[in-house]
Amino acid sequence: MAVSLLSLVGLEVRRGMSIVVTDFNLEVDSKDVVVLHGKNGAGKSTVIESCARLLPLEKGSVHHHGSLVVDSEGRRSLAKQPFGLTLQSNGLLGDETVENHLSTVCSLSGMKTDLFPILDAYGLAHRRYDRIGQLSGGQARKVAVLAGLLPAMLSSEPRLILLDEPDTGLDESALAALISDIGQLREAGHAFVI
């Protein structure tokens, strides 16, 4: 039986003066890969940011692993299980080193790992001690994508991974690594909203 990792119930979210998501329902189980598709401004990023508790809800609720994490009444709880998140804007601090940023993600996920092979697969091993602000846009995007994937990469328990346009700015080898990682992690029981 599949494990429900994410449930959105009657989601309604406002951006500025406009309601961009209304009466949106979604159930994401272990091994699901859900791809949100639509034109710019359709609410794809809004859904992902709502799943991560980054936006207030006008109506509805968000549940991770069967537990409420946020609702329109203002109730908020920390997710009981770590989840991965890559924002469209990367969400990285320029003064942080690549290794420090990814080590922080590992720590927040309650895990440790040797980052070298992961960085090597994305062509970043030689930049591990560099500040993120010194990276090219594509290299910074790779760091953001890896940060989103790490909670699944480091866990044998199913994790929810939220990736907002993860392929943007990636070179062909990094894109191939991303596709391979998503496939392997899905088979291991993790779920994705992309």
Protein backbone atom coordinates (compact mmCIF):
# COMPACT_ATOMS: atom_id res chain seq x y z
CA MET A 1 0.00 0.00 0.00
CA ALA A 2 1.33 3.44 -0.97
CA VAL A 3 2.15 5.96 1.74
CA SER A 4 0.51 9.39 1.31
CA LEU A 5 3.32 11.94 1.54
CA LEU A 6 1.34 15.05 0.57
CA SER A 7 -2.31 15.99 0.63
CA LEU A 8 -3.69 19.35 -0.49
CA VAL A 9 -7.34 19.88 0.39
CA GLY A 10 -9.36 22.75 -1.12
CA LEU A 11 -6.30 24.95 -1.52
CA GLU A 12 -6.94 28.62 -2.32
CA VAL A 13 -3.95 30.98 -2.44
CA ARG A 14 -3.69 34.70 -3.17
CA ARG A 15 -0.72 36.49 -4.78
CA GLY A 16 -1.09 40.23 -4.39
CA MET A 17 -4.65 41.13 -5.32
CA SER A 18 -5.38 37.97 -7.31
CA ILE A 19 -6.43 34.49 -6.31
CA VAL A 20 -4.10 32.30 -8.40
CA VAL A 21 -5.04 28.88 -7.04
CA THR A 22 -8.59 27.96 -6.13
CA ASP A 23 -10.20 24.73 -4.89
CA PHE A 24 -7.03 22.75 -5.67
CA ASN A 25 -6.83 19.18 -4.39
CA LEU A 26 -3.88 16.83 -4.76
CA GLU A 27 -2.82 13.54 -3.22
CA VAL A 28 0.80 12.43 -3.66
CA ASP A 29 1.74 8.93 -2.61
CA SER A 30 5.03 7.13 -2.30
CA LYS A 31 6.62 6.62 -5.75
CA ASP A 32 4.47 9.32 -7.41
CA VAL A 33 6.01 11.91 -9.70
CA VAL A 34 3.52 14.74 -10.24
CA VAL A 35 4.42 17.30 -12.88
CA LEU A 36 2.52 20.59 -12.73
CA HIS A 37 2.25 22.00 -16.24
CA GLY A 38 0.75 25.24 -17.50
CA LYS A 39 1.52 28.69 -18.77
CA ASN A 40 3.33 31.36 -16.75
CA GLY A 41 1.19 32.68 -13.93
CA ALA A 42 -1.01 29.56 -13.76
CA GLY A 43 -0.04 28.92 -10.12
CA LYS A 44 2.55 26.13 -10.40
CA SER A 45 5.13 27.85 -8.17
CA THR A 46 2.35 28.95 -5.84
CA VAL A 47 1.32 25.32 -5.30
CA ILE A 48 4.90 24.25 -4.58
CA GLU A 49 5.51 27.17 -2.20
CA SER A 50 2.21 26.42 -0.44
CA CYS A 51 3.26 22.78 0.00
CA ALA A 52 6.43 24.05 1.71
CA ARG A 53 4.43 26.35 4.06
CA LEU A 54 5.91 29.49 2.51
CA LEU A 55 2.59 31.16 1.63
CA PRO A 56 -0.53 31.84 3.68
CA LEU A 57 -3.66 30.03 2.57
CA GLU A 58 -6.98 31.74 1.93
CA LYS A 59 -8.74 28.36 2.20
CA GLY A 60 -7.78 24.73 2.58
CA SER A 61 -4.98 22.76 4.19
CA VAL A 62 -1.65 21.07 3.49
CA HIS A 63 -0.73 17.73 5.06
CA HIS A 64 2.65 15.93 4.98
CA HIS A 65 2.75 12.22 5.86
CA GLY A 66 -0.85 12.45 7.06
CA SER A 67 -0.25 15.34 9.49
CA LEU A 68 -1.43 18.93 9.12
CA VAL A 69 1.43 21.37 8.40
CA VAL A 70 -0.60 24.49 7.55
CA ASP A 71 -4.20 25.54 7.01
CA SER A 72 -6.24 28.65 6.30
CA GLU A 73 -7.14 29.02 10.00
CA GLY A 74 -3.51 29.85 10.76
CA ARG A 75 -2.56 26.51 12.27
CA ARG A 76 1.05 25.63 11.47
CA SER A 77 3.13 22.63 12.45
CA LEU A 78 6.61 21.56 11.51
CA ALA A 79 6.69 18.67 9.07
CA LYS A 80 7.41 15.48 11.02
CA GLN A 81 9.62 14.20 8.21
CA PRO A 82 12.27 16.20 6.33
CA PHE A 83 11.27 17.17 2.81
CA GLY A 84 13.28 18.53 -0.09
CA LEU A 85 12.69 21.92 -1.68
CA THR A 86 14.21 23.68 -4.67
CA LEU A 87 12.70 27.08 -5.33
CA GLN A 88 12.53 28.70 -8.75
CA SER A 89 14.74 31.51 -7.38
CA ASN A 90 17.30 29.03 -5.87
CA GLY A 91 17.03 30.49 -2.33
CA LEU A 92 20.81 30.39 -1.79
CA LEU A 93 23.05 32.68 0.26
CA GLY A 94 26.03 33.98 -1.72
CA ASP A 95 28.43 34.01 1.25
CA GLU A 96 27.90 30.33 2.02
CA THR A 97 30.21 27.73 0.51
CA VAL A 98 28.76 24.91 -1.59
CA GLU A 99 29.80 22.33 0.99
CA ASN A 100 28.47 24.37 3.92
CA HIS A 101 25.07 24.83 2.28
CA LEU A 102 24.67 21.14 1.45
CA SER A 103 26.01 20.09 4.87
CA THR A 104 23.34 22.29 6.47
CA VAL A 105 20.66 20.51 4.42
CA CYS A 106 22.09 17.15 5.57
CA SER A 107 22.05 18.32 9.19
CA LEU A 108 18.44 19.55 8.94
CA SER A 109 17.53 16.14 7.52
CA GLY A 110 19.27 14.44 10.46
CA MET A 111 21.85 12.79 8.21
CA LYS A 112 25.52 12.92 7.29
CA THR A 113 27.18 11.86 4.07
CA ASP A 114 30.30 12.27 1.98
CA LEU A 115 29.23 14.98 -0.44
CA PHE A 116 32.09 14.44 -2.90
CA PRO A 117 30.42 11.72 -5.05
CA ILE A 118 27.16 13.69 -5.18
CA LEU A 119 28.95 16.89 -6.18
CA ASP A 120 31.07 14.97 -8.69
CA ALA A 121 27.97 13.57 -10.43
CA TYR A 122 26.82 17.16 -11.05
CA GLY A 123 30.26 18.51 -12.04
CA LEU A 124 30.67 20.50 -8.83
CA ALA A 125 33.34 18.57 -6.89
CA HIS A 126 36.01 21.14 -7.81
CA ARG A 127 33.79 23.98 -6.47
CA ARG A 128 32.87 22.44 -3.10
CA TYR A 129 34.81 25.03 -1.05
CA ASP A 130 33.84 28.02 -3.19
CA ARG A 131 31.28 30.58 -2.11
CA ILE A 132 27.95 30.24 -3.87
CA GLY A 133 28.17 33.90 -4.93
CA GLN A 134 31.27 33.00 -7.00
CA LEU A 135 29.46 30.31 -9.02
CA SER A 136 27.92 30.73 -12.45
CA GLY A 137 24.12 30.76 -12.62
CA GLY A 138 24.07 27.17 -13.85
CA GLN A 139 26.41 25.98 -11.09
CA ALA A 140 24.31 27.73 -8.43
CA ARG A 141 21.22 26.04 -9.88
CA LYS A 142 22.92 22.65 -9.51
CA VAL A 143 23.54 23.40 -5.81
CA ALA A 144 19.87 24.37 -5.34
CA VAL A 145 18.70 21.19 -7.08
CA LEU A 146 21.04 19.01 -5.00
CA ALA A 147 19.78 20.68 -1.82
CA GLY A 148 16.25 19.72 -2.84
CA LEU A 149 17.21 16.11 -3.61
CA LEU A 150 19.40 15.43 -0.56
CA PRO A 151 16.60 14.54 1.91
CA ALA A 152 15.60 11.69 -0.42
CA MET A 153 19.17 10.75 -1.34
CA LEU A 154 20.02 10.29 2.34
CA SER A 155 16.91 8.46 3.55
CA SER A 156 15.58 4.96 3.16
CA GLU A 157 12.20 6.26 4.38
CA PRO A 158 9.91 7.86 1.77
CA ARG A 159 10.42 11.61 1.48
CA LEU A 160 8.49 14.34 -0.32
CA ILE A 161 10.58 16.37 -2.78
CA LEU A 162 9.32 19.69 -4.18
CA LEU A 163 11.22 20.95 -7.23
CA ASP A 164 10.26 24.20 -8.96
CA GLU A 165 11.61 24.14 -12.54
CA PRO A 166 14.67 22.08 -11.56
CA ASP A 167 15.95 21.77 -15.14
CA THR A 168 16.30 25.52 -15.69
CA GLY A 169 19.93 26.41 -16.33
CA LEU A 170 21.29 22.86 -16.11
CA ASP A 171 23.77 21.61 -18.68
CA GLU A 172 23.18 18.30 -20.48
CA SER A 173 25.21 16.16 -18.07
CA ALA A 174 23.54 17.66 -14.99
CA LEU A 175 20.12 17.22 -16.59
CA ALA A 176 20.91 13.56 -17.30
CA ALA A 177 22.04 13.12 -13.66
CA LEU A 178 18.82 14.78 -12.43
CA ILE A 179 16.61 12.54 -14.56
CA SER A 180 18.50 9.46 -13.40
CA ASP A 181 18.33 10.52 -9.73
CA ILE A 182 14.58 11.21 -9.90
CA GLY A 183 14.00 7.77 -11.43
CA GLN A 184 16.13 5.96 -8.84
CA LEU A 185 14.70 7.90 -5.91
CA ARG A 186 11.15 7.28 -7.13
CA GLU A 187 11.84 3.55 -7.27
CA ALA A 188 13.12 3.77 -3.69
CA GLY A 189 9.71 5.13 -2.59
CA HIS A 190 10.22 8.89 -2.63
CA ALA A 191 7.63 11.20 -4.21
CA PHE A 192 8.07 14.32 -6.31
CA VAL A 193 6.05 17.40 -7.19
CA ILE A 194 7.76 19.19 -10.07
